[in-house]
């Protein structure tokens, strides 16, 4: 079962697997299931903003090899498709970007990067 199968007829947040080491600054990933079975999805530029949290009782550790550096993940809908950006730590230091027309691919990339980006795996999701 895919998380999108859990979306019902009322607007709701789409379920995401967010590791405990990430904090949610904004979540606008709303969707609803239409009578014909298709999904109606929020198409805002500001869909999701997450930040990698520092270690418990500690500060961010700088450096490209540190899994505890300050990372931000930003996702949105831009005209014809979705984009997710990984920032280290801000828009002047973009680590990776992934564009897709598929909401399911967007979710797959978000979940993959949340788990793997802190240790250096910035590859896009595979089908």
N, C-alpha and C. Protein backbone atom coordinates (compact mmCIF):
# COMPACT_ATOMS: atom_id res chain seq x y z
N UNK A 1 0.84 -1.18 0.00
CA UNK A 1 0.00 0.00 0.00
C UNK A 1 0.89 1.25 0.00
N UNK A 2 0.54 2.21 -0.81
CA UNK A 2 1.24 3.48 -0.90
C UNK A 2 0.53 4.49 0.01
N UNK A 3 1.28 5.47 0.53
CA UNK A 3 0.67 6.46 1.44
C UNK A 3 -0.48 7.21 0.77
N UNK A 4 -0.43 7.37 -0.54
CA UNK A 4 -1.52 8.09 -1.22
C UNK A 4 -2.81 7.30 -1.21
N UNK A 5 -2.73 5.97 -0.99
CA UNK A 5 -3.94 5.16 -0.87
C UNK A 5 -4.71 5.48 0.40
N UNK A 6 -4.05 6.14 1.35
CA UNK A 6 -4.68 6.49 2.63
C UNK A 6 -5.46 7.79 2.57
N UNK A 7 -5.36 8.51 1.46
CA UNK A 7 -6.04 9.81 1.32
C UNK A 7 -7.52 9.58 1.05
N UNK A 8 -8.37 10.22 1.86
CA UNK A 8 -9.82 10.09 1.72
C UNK A 8 -10.44 11.30 1.04
N UNK A 9 -11.76 11.43 1.11
CA UNK A 9 -12.46 12.49 0.38
C UNK A 9 -12.35 13.88 1.00
N UNK A 10 -11.93 13.96 2.25
CA UNK A 10 -11.76 15.27 2.90
C UNK A 10 -10.30 15.71 2.81
N UNK A 11 -10.07 17.03 2.73
CA UNK A 11 -8.70 17.54 2.70
C UNK A 11 -7.97 17.05 3.95
N UNK A 12 -6.77 16.51 3.77
CA UNK A 12 -5.98 16.03 4.88
C UNK A 12 -4.50 16.11 4.53
N UNK A 13 -3.67 16.13 5.57
CA UNK A 13 -2.24 16.06 5.34
C UNK A 13 -1.88 14.68 4.81
N UNK A 14 -1.04 14.65 3.80
CA UNK A 14 -0.56 13.38 3.26
C UNK A 14 0.44 12.78 4.25
N UNK A 15 0.27 11.52 4.64
CA UNK A 15 1.20 10.91 5.60
C UNK A 15 2.63 10.86 5.03
N UNK A 16 3.59 11.27 5.86
CA UNK A 16 5.01 11.22 5.50
C UNK A 16 5.77 10.51 6.60
N UNK A 17 6.83 9.82 6.21
CA UNK A 17 7.74 9.24 7.20
C UNK A 17 8.89 10.23 7.39
N UNK A 18 8.84 10.97 8.49
CA UNK A 18 9.85 11.99 8.78
C UNK A 18 10.70 11.48 9.94
N UNK A 19 12.00 11.26 9.71
CA UNK A 19 12.85 10.79 10.81
C UNK A 19 12.87 11.78 11.97
N UNK A 20 13.07 11.27 13.16
CA UNK A 20 13.06 12.10 14.36
C UNK A 20 14.12 13.19 14.38
N UNK A 21 15.11 13.10 13.51
CA UNK A 21 16.17 14.09 13.49
C UNK A 21 15.82 15.32 12.65
N UNK A 22 14.59 15.38 12.14
CA UNK A 22 14.13 16.50 11.33
C UNK A 22 12.96 17.20 12.02
N UNK A 23 12.90 18.52 11.89
CA UNK A 23 11.80 19.30 12.43
C UNK A 23 10.97 19.89 11.31
N UNK A 24 9.68 19.97 11.52
CA UNK A 24 8.76 20.51 10.52
C UNK A 24 8.54 21.99 10.81
N UNK A 25 8.91 22.83 9.85
CA UNK A 25 8.65 24.27 9.95
C UNK A 25 7.31 24.62 9.31
N UNK A 26 6.99 23.92 8.20
CA UNK A 26 5.71 24.15 7.51
C UNK A 26 5.35 22.88 6.75
N UNK A 27 4.09 22.46 6.87
CA UNK A 27 3.61 21.32 6.09
C UNK A 27 2.28 21.68 5.47
N UNK A 28 2.28 21.83 4.16
CA UNK A 28 1.07 22.12 3.40
C UNK A 28 0.79 21.03 2.38
N UNK A 29 1.27 19.81 2.66
CA UNK A 29 1.06 18.68 1.74
C UNK A 29 -0.35 18.11 1.95
N UNK A 30 -1.35 18.86 1.51
CA UNK A 30 -2.74 18.46 1.65
C UNK A 30 -3.24 17.84 0.35
N UNK A 31 -4.10 16.84 0.49
CA UNK A 31 -4.72 16.22 -0.67
C UNK A 31 -6.09 15.68 -0.26
N UNK A 32 -6.91 15.41 -1.26
CA UNK A 32 -8.19 14.75 -1.03
C UNK A 32 -8.49 13.86 -2.24
N UNK A 33 -9.23 12.81 -1.99
CA UNK A 33 -9.61 11.86 -3.04
C UNK A 33 -10.95 12.31 -3.63
N UNK A 34 -10.98 12.51 -4.94
CA UNK A 34 -12.21 12.91 -5.63
C UNK A 34 -13.08 11.69 -5.89
N UNK A 35 -14.35 11.92 -6.23
CA UNK A 35 -15.30 10.82 -6.46
C UNK A 35 -14.85 9.88 -7.57
N UNK A 36 -14.10 10.40 -8.56
CA UNK A 36 -13.64 9.54 -9.66
C UNK A 36 -12.37 8.76 -9.30
N UNK A 37 -11.89 8.92 -8.05
CA UNK A 37 -10.71 8.18 -7.60
C UNK A 37 -9.41 8.94 -7.75
N UNK A 38 -9.42 10.05 -8.48
CA UNK A 38 -8.19 10.83 -8.65
C UNK A 38 -7.93 11.68 -7.41
N UNK A 39 -6.72 12.25 -7.34
CA UNK A 39 -6.34 13.08 -6.20
C UNK A 39 -6.38 14.55 -6.57
N UNK A 40 -6.88 15.35 -5.67
CA UNK A 40 -6.80 16.80 -5.76
C UNK A 40 -5.74 17.19 -4.74
N UNK A 41 -4.66 17.84 -5.21
CA UNK A 41 -3.50 18.10 -4.37
C UNK A 41 -3.25 19.60 -4.28
N UNK A 42 -2.91 20.09 -3.10
CA UNK A 42 -2.53 21.47 -2.91
C UNK A 42 -1.38 21.78 -3.87
N UNK A 43 -1.52 22.84 -4.65
CA UNK A 43 -0.47 23.18 -5.62
C UNK A 43 0.20 24.51 -5.31
N UNK A 44 0.55 24.69 -4.07
CA UNK A 44 1.20 25.90 -3.60
C UNK A 44 2.72 25.82 -3.80
N UNK A 45 3.36 26.98 -3.94
CA UNK A 45 4.83 27.00 -3.97
C UNK A 45 5.40 26.65 -2.61
N UNK A 46 4.62 26.80 -1.56
CA UNK A 46 5.08 26.53 -0.20
C UNK A 46 4.40 25.29 0.34
N UNK A 47 4.86 24.12 -0.09
CA UNK A 47 4.26 22.87 0.37
C UNK A 47 4.91 22.32 1.64
N UNK A 48 6.23 22.41 1.71
CA UNK A 48 6.91 21.76 2.83
C UNK A 48 8.24 22.44 3.11
N UNK A 49 8.52 22.63 4.39
CA UNK A 49 9.82 23.14 4.82
C UNK A 49 10.22 22.37 6.07
N UNK A 50 11.31 21.65 5.97
CA UNK A 50 11.85 20.86 7.07
C UNK A 50 13.27 21.29 7.37
N UNK A 51 13.71 21.13 8.61
CA UNK A 51 15.07 21.48 9.00
C UNK A 51 15.67 20.31 9.77
N UNK A 52 16.91 20.00 9.47
CA UNK A 52 17.65 18.97 10.21
C UNK A 52 17.99 19.54 11.56
N UNK A 53 17.62 18.82 12.61
CA UNK A 53 17.84 19.30 13.97
C UNK A 53 19.26 19.00 14.43
N UNK A 54 19.81 19.84 15.32
CA UNK A 54 21.14 19.55 15.87
C UNK A 54 21.04 18.35 16.82
N UNK A 55 22.18 17.75 17.17
CA UNK A 55 22.12 16.63 18.11
C UNK A 55 21.56 17.08 19.45
N UNK A 56 20.93 16.16 20.15
CA UNK A 56 20.34 16.47 21.45
C UNK A 56 21.42 17.03 22.37
N UNK A 57 21.14 18.19 22.96
CA UNK A 57 22.08 18.81 23.87
C UNK A 57 23.31 19.39 23.21
N UNK A 58 23.31 19.52 21.89
CA UNK A 58 24.48 20.03 21.19
C UNK A 58 24.13 21.07 20.15
N UNK A 59 25.15 21.50 19.45
CA UNK A 59 24.99 22.48 18.40
C UNK A 59 25.23 21.82 17.05
N UNK A 60 24.82 22.53 16.00
CA UNK A 60 25.12 22.05 14.66
C UNK A 60 26.63 21.91 14.50
N UNK A 61 27.05 20.89 13.78
CA UNK A 61 28.47 20.70 13.48
C UNK A 61 28.66 20.97 11.99
N UNK A 62 29.52 21.89 11.67
CA UNK A 62 29.71 22.29 10.28
C UNK A 62 30.56 21.28 9.54
N UNK A 63 30.56 21.41 8.24
CA UNK A 63 31.38 20.56 7.38
C UNK A 63 30.54 19.61 6.57
N UNK A 64 30.95 19.37 5.33
CA UNK A 64 30.16 18.55 4.42
C UNK A 64 30.05 17.08 4.84
N UNK A 65 30.91 16.62 5.72
CA UNK A 65 30.86 15.22 6.15
C UNK A 65 30.08 15.03 7.44
N UNK A 66 29.60 16.09 8.04
CA UNK A 66 28.89 15.99 9.32
C UNK A 66 27.41 15.68 9.09
N UNK A 67 26.91 14.59 9.65
CA UNK A 67 25.47 14.33 9.56
C UNK A 67 24.66 15.27 10.45
N UNK A 68 25.34 16.07 11.27
CA UNK A 68 24.65 16.99 12.19
C UNK A 68 24.78 18.44 11.76
N UNK A 69 25.01 18.67 10.47
CA UNK A 69 25.06 20.06 9.99
C UNK A 69 23.63 20.53 9.71
N UNK A 70 23.47 21.82 9.61
CA UNK A 70 22.14 22.40 9.39
C UNK A 70 21.73 22.23 7.93
N UNK A 71 20.75 21.40 7.68
CA UNK A 71 20.19 21.20 6.35
C UNK A 71 18.73 21.64 6.36
N UNK A 72 18.26 22.11 5.21
CA UNK A 72 16.86 22.46 5.04
C UNK A 72 16.35 21.76 3.80
N UNK A 73 15.11 21.28 3.86
CA UNK A 73 14.46 20.68 2.71
C UNK A 73 13.22 21.51 2.41
N UNK A 74 13.10 21.97 1.18
CA UNK A 74 12.00 22.82 0.76
C UNK A 74 11.32 22.18 -0.44
N UNK A 75 10.01 22.07 -0.43
CA UNK A 75 9.27 21.50 -1.55
C UNK A 75 8.11 22.41 -1.92
N UNK A 76 7.82 22.46 -3.22
CA UNK A 76 6.71 23.28 -3.69
C UNK A 76 6.28 22.89 -5.09
N UNK A 77 5.19 23.51 -5.53
CA UNK A 77 4.68 23.31 -6.88
C UNK A 77 4.95 24.59 -7.65
N UNK A 78 5.59 24.45 -8.82
CA UNK A 78 5.98 25.61 -9.62
C UNK A 78 5.47 25.45 -11.04
N UNK A 79 4.38 26.13 -11.34
CA UNK A 79 3.72 26.19 -12.65
C UNK A 79 3.26 24.84 -13.17
N UNK A 80 4.20 23.96 -13.53
CA UNK A 80 3.81 22.70 -14.18
C UNK A 80 4.29 21.46 -13.44
N UNK A 81 4.99 21.65 -12.34
CA UNK A 81 5.50 20.47 -11.64
C UNK A 81 5.98 20.79 -10.24
N UNK A 82 6.40 19.74 -9.58
CA UNK A 82 6.89 19.83 -8.21
C UNK A 82 8.41 19.92 -8.19
N UNK A 83 8.92 20.57 -7.16
CA UNK A 83 10.38 20.62 -6.98
C UNK A 83 10.70 20.51 -5.50
N UNK A 84 11.74 19.75 -5.21
CA UNK A 84 12.26 19.67 -3.86
C UNK A 84 13.72 20.09 -3.90
N UNK A 85 14.11 20.96 -2.97
CA UNK A 85 15.48 21.45 -2.89
C UNK A 85 16.06 21.10 -1.53
N UNK A 86 17.32 20.73 -1.53
CA UNK A 86 18.04 20.46 -0.29
C UNK A 86 19.10 21.54 -0.13
N UNK A 87 19.05 22.26 0.99
CA UNK A 87 19.91 23.42 1.20
C UNK A 87 20.88 23.16 2.35
N UNK A 88 22.10 23.65 2.21
CA UNK A 88 23.14 23.40 3.23
C UNK A 88 23.90 24.68 3.53
N UNK A 89 23.47 25.57 4.35
CA UNK A 89 22.23 25.57 5.12
C UNK A 89 21.16 26.49 4.54
N UNK A 90 21.44 27.18 3.42
CA UNK A 90 20.50 28.19 2.94
C UNK A 90 20.44 28.18 1.42
N UNK A 91 19.63 29.11 0.85
CA UNK A 91 19.42 29.15 -0.60
C UNK A 91 20.70 29.48 -1.36
N UNK A 92 21.70 30.06 -0.71
CA UNK A 92 22.98 30.33 -1.37
C UNK A 92 23.83 29.08 -1.48
N UNK A 93 23.43 27.99 -0.83
CA UNK A 93 24.20 26.75 -0.81
C UNK A 93 23.29 25.57 -1.06
N UNK A 94 22.79 25.46 -2.30
CA UNK A 94 21.88 24.38 -2.67
C UNK A 94 22.69 23.12 -2.96
N UNK A 95 22.38 22.05 -2.21
CA UNK A 95 23.07 20.76 -2.42
C UNK A 95 22.49 19.99 -3.59
N UNK A 96 21.17 19.99 -3.69
CA UNK A 96 20.52 19.18 -4.73
C UNK A 96 19.13 19.72 -4.98
N UNK A 97 18.62 19.41 -6.17
CA UNK A 97 17.27 19.78 -6.55
C UNK A 97 16.69 18.66 -7.39
N UNK A 98 15.41 18.39 -7.23
CA UNK A 98 14.73 17.33 -7.98
C UNK A 98 13.40 17.87 -8.47
N UNK A 99 13.15 17.77 -9.79
CA UNK A 99 11.91 18.23 -10.40
C UNK A 99 11.14 17.02 -10.93
N UNK A 100 9.81 17.07 -10.76
CA UNK A 100 8.97 16.00 -11.25
C UNK A 100 7.54 16.51 -11.44
N UNK A 101 6.81 15.88 -12.33
CA UNK A 101 5.39 16.18 -12.48
C UNK A 101 4.55 15.26 -11.60
N UNK A 102 5.17 14.27 -10.99
CA UNK A 102 4.48 13.25 -10.21
C UNK A 102 4.54 13.57 -8.71
N UNK A 103 3.36 13.66 -8.09
CA UNK A 103 3.30 13.88 -6.64
C UNK A 103 3.90 12.69 -5.89
N UNK A 104 3.66 11.49 -6.38
CA UNK A 104 4.22 10.29 -5.74
C UNK A 104 5.75 10.32 -5.79
N UNK A 105 6.34 10.75 -6.91
CA UNK A 105 7.80 10.87 -7.01
C UNK A 105 8.33 11.94 -6.07
N UNK A 106 7.59 13.03 -5.93
CA UNK A 106 7.98 14.08 -4.99
C UNK A 106 8.07 13.51 -3.58
N UNK A 107 7.04 12.78 -3.17
CA UNK A 107 7.04 12.18 -1.83
C UNK A 107 8.19 11.20 -1.67
N UNK A 108 8.46 10.40 -2.70
CA UNK A 108 9.55 9.43 -2.63
C UNK A 108 10.90 10.13 -2.47
N UNK A 109 11.10 11.23 -3.18
CA UNK A 109 12.36 11.97 -3.06
C UNK A 109 12.49 12.59 -1.67
N UNK A 110 11.42 13.18 -1.17
CA UNK A 110 11.46 13.78 0.16
C UNK A 110 11.87 12.73 1.19
N UNK A 111 11.20 11.59 1.18
CA UNK A 111 11.50 10.56 2.18
C UNK A 111 12.91 10.00 2.01
N UNK A 112 13.36 9.83 0.79
CA UNK A 112 14.71 9.31 0.57
C UNK A 112 15.76 10.29 1.07
N UNK A 113 15.60 11.57 0.72
CA UNK A 113 16.59 12.57 1.14
C UNK A 113 16.58 12.77 2.65
N UNK A 114 15.43 12.68 3.29
CA UNK A 114 15.40 12.83 4.75
C UNK A 114 16.23 11.75 5.43
N UNK A 115 16.18 10.55 4.89
CA UNK A 115 16.94 9.44 5.47
C UNK A 115 18.41 9.47 5.07
N UNK A 116 18.70 9.81 3.82
CA UNK A 116 20.04 9.59 3.26
C UNK A 116 20.90 10.83 3.06
N UNK A 117 20.31 12.00 2.92
CA UNK A 117 21.10 13.20 2.64
C UNK A 117 22.11 13.53 3.74
N UNK A 118 21.77 13.37 5.03
CA UNK A 118 22.77 13.70 6.05
C UNK A 118 24.05 12.87 5.95
N UNK A 119 23.98 11.71 5.30
CA UNK A 119 25.18 10.89 5.13
C UNK A 119 25.70 10.94 3.70
N UNK A 120 25.19 11.88 2.89
CA UNK A 120 25.78 12.14 1.59
C UNK A 120 25.08 11.56 0.38
N UNK A 121 24.00 10.80 0.53
CA UNK A 121 23.31 10.22 -0.63
C UNK A 121 22.25 11.19 -1.12
N UNK A 122 22.57 11.88 -2.22
CA UNK A 122 21.65 12.86 -2.80
C UNK A 122 21.03 12.38 -4.09
N UNK A 123 21.08 11.08 -4.33
CA UNK A 123 20.52 10.55 -5.58
C UNK A 123 19.00 10.66 -5.55
N UNK A 124 18.40 10.83 -6.73
CA UNK A 124 16.93 10.90 -6.78
C UNK A 124 16.35 9.50 -6.54
N UNK A 125 15.05 9.45 -6.29
CA UNK A 125 14.42 8.14 -6.05
C UNK A 125 14.42 7.32 -7.33
N UNK A 126 14.40 6.02 -7.18
CA UNK A 126 14.29 5.14 -8.33
C UNK A 126 12.87 4.61 -8.38
N UNK A 127 12.43 4.33 -9.58
CA UNK A 127 11.04 3.89 -9.77
C UNK A 127 10.74 2.59 -9.08
